[in-house]
C-alpha atoms as a PDB file:
ATOM      1  CA  MET A   1       7.188  -3.462   4.267  1.00  0.00           C
ATOM      2  CA  THR A   2       7.267  -6.003   1.574  1.00  0.00           C
ATOM      3  CA  ILE A   3       3.652  -7.270  -0.274  1.00  0.00           C
ATOM      4  CA  LYS A   4       4.285 -10.872  -0.693  1.00  0.00           C
ATOM      5  CA  SER A   5       1.319 -12.265  -3.388  1.00  0.00           C
ATOM      6  CA  ASN A   6       1.287 -15.068  -5.700  1.00  0.00           C
ATOM      7  CA  ASP A   7       0.145 -12.374  -8.414  1.00  0.00           C
ATOM      8  CA  LYS A   8       2.067  -9.010 -10.114  1.00  0.00           C
ATOM      9  CA  VAL A   9       1.561  -6.211  -8.361  1.00  0.00           C
ATOM     10  CA  LEU A  10       0.966  -3.407 -10.196  1.00  0.00           C
ATOM     11  CA  ILE A  11       0.195  -0.682  -8.401  1.00  0.00           C
ATOM     12  CA  ILE A  12       0.511   0.046  -3.977  1.00  0.00           C
ATOM     13  CA  LYS A  13      -1.521   3.081  -2.768  1.00  0.00           C
ATOM     14  CA  ILE A  14      -1.048   4.043   0.851  1.00  0.00           C
ATOM     15  CA  LEU A  15      -3.873   6.127   1.673  1.00  0.00           C
ATOM     16  CA  ASN A  16      -4.690   7.858   4.908  1.00  0.00           C
ATOM     17  CA  ILE A  17      -7.943   7.459   6.749  1.00  0.00           C
ATOM     18  CA  GLN A  18      -9.525  10.243   5.060  1.00  0.00           C
ATOM     19  CA  GLY A  19      -8.809   8.367   1.818  1.00  0.00           C
ATOM     20  CA  GLN A  20      -6.228  10.698   0.572  1.00  0.00           C
ATOM     21  CA  ILE A  21      -3.408   9.404  -1.067  1.00  0.00           C
ATOM     22  CA  ILE A  22      -0.077   9.747   0.732  1.00  0.00           C
ATOM     23  CA  SER A  23       2.294   7.311  -1.411  1.00  0.00           C
ATOM     24  CA  THR A  24       2.022   5.447  -4.879  1.00  0.00           C
ATOM     25  CA  VAL A  25       4.104   2.838  -6.085  1.00  0.00           C
ATOM     26  CA  LYS A  26       4.243   0.949  -9.042  1.00  0.00           C
ATOM     27  CA  ASN A  27       5.610  -2.237 -10.553  1.00  0.00           C
ATOM     28  CA  TYR A  28       7.499  -3.165  -7.019  1.00  0.00           C
ATOM     29  CA  ASN A  29       6.414  -5.504  -3.998  1.00  0.00           C
ATOM     30  CA  THR A  30       8.431  -2.788  -1.520  1.00  0.00           C
ATOM     31  CA  ILE A  31       6.964   0.010   0.101  1.00  0.00           C
ATOM     32  CA  LYS A  32       8.945   2.513   2.112  1.00  0.00           C
ATOM     33  CA  LEU A  33       7.256   3.661   5.328  1.00  0.00           C
ATOM     34  CA  SER A  34       9.776   5.351   6.687  1.00  0.00           C
ATOM     35  CA  ASN A  35       8.882   8.755   5.668  1.00  0.00           C
ATOM     36  CA  ILE A  36       5.319   8.552   6.779  1.00  0.00           C
ATOM     37  CA  ALA A  37       3.849   9.850  10.072  1.00  0.00           C
ATOM     38  CA  LYS A  38       2.700   7.274  12.839  1.00  0.00           C
ATOM     39  CA  GLY A  39      -0.873   6.233  12.730  1.00  0.00           C
ATOM     40  CA  MET A  40      -3.585   4.205  10.854  1.00  0.00           C
ATOM     41  CA  TYR A  41      -3.380   3.443   7.128  1.00  0.00           C
ATOM     42  CA  LEU A  42      -4.992   1.317   3.889  1.00  0.00           C
ATOM     43  CA  LEU A  43      -3.109  -0.203   1.484  1.00  0.00           C
ATOM     44  CA  LYS A  44      -4.767  -0.160  -2.027  1.00  0.00           C
ATOM     45  CA  ILE A  45      -3.002  -3.248  -4.151  1.00  0.00           C
ATOM     46  CA  THR A  46      -3.978  -3.453  -7.514  1.00  0.00           C
ATOM     47  CA  THR A  47      -2.345  -6.647  -9.309  1.00  0.00           C
ATOM     48  CA  ASP A  48      -2.956  -8.817 -12.618  1.00  0.00           C
ATOM     49  CA  LYS A  49      -6.060 -10.179 -10.994  1.00  0.00           C
ATOM     50  CA  GLY A  50      -8.017  -7.226  -8.985  1.00  0.00           C
ATOM     51  CA  ILE A  51      -7.574  -4.716  -6.408  1.00  0.00           C
ATOM     52  CA  GLN A  52      -7.397  -5.443  -2.591  1.00  0.00           C
ATOM     53  CA  THR A  53      -7.634  -3.032   0.257  1.00  0.00           C
ATOM     54  CA  LYS A  54      -5.382  -3.504   3.634  1.00  0.00           C
ATOM     55  CA  ARG A  55      -5.837  -1.992   7.325  1.00  0.00           C
ATOM     56  CA  ILE A  56      -2.242  -1.220   8.788  1.00  0.00           C
ATOM     57  CA  VAL A  57      -0.733   0.761  11.547  1.00  0.00           C
ATOM     58  CA  LYS A  58       2.513   2.151  11.710  1.00  0.00           C
ATOM     59  CA  ASP A  59       3.721   2.466  15.318  1.00  0.00           C
END
């Protein structure tokens, strides 16, 4: 999965619905989802301008 942003992406965290961190990627706009189970997750994207949280579903 590629994160498109006009801002520099510093950290991407994948969290499960319980808030546990599943994976962390630093200084990349791409994150692999092949190693996580199907389900609903939160992406916490930290850029040089702030933090955004997005919900994704892997099926």
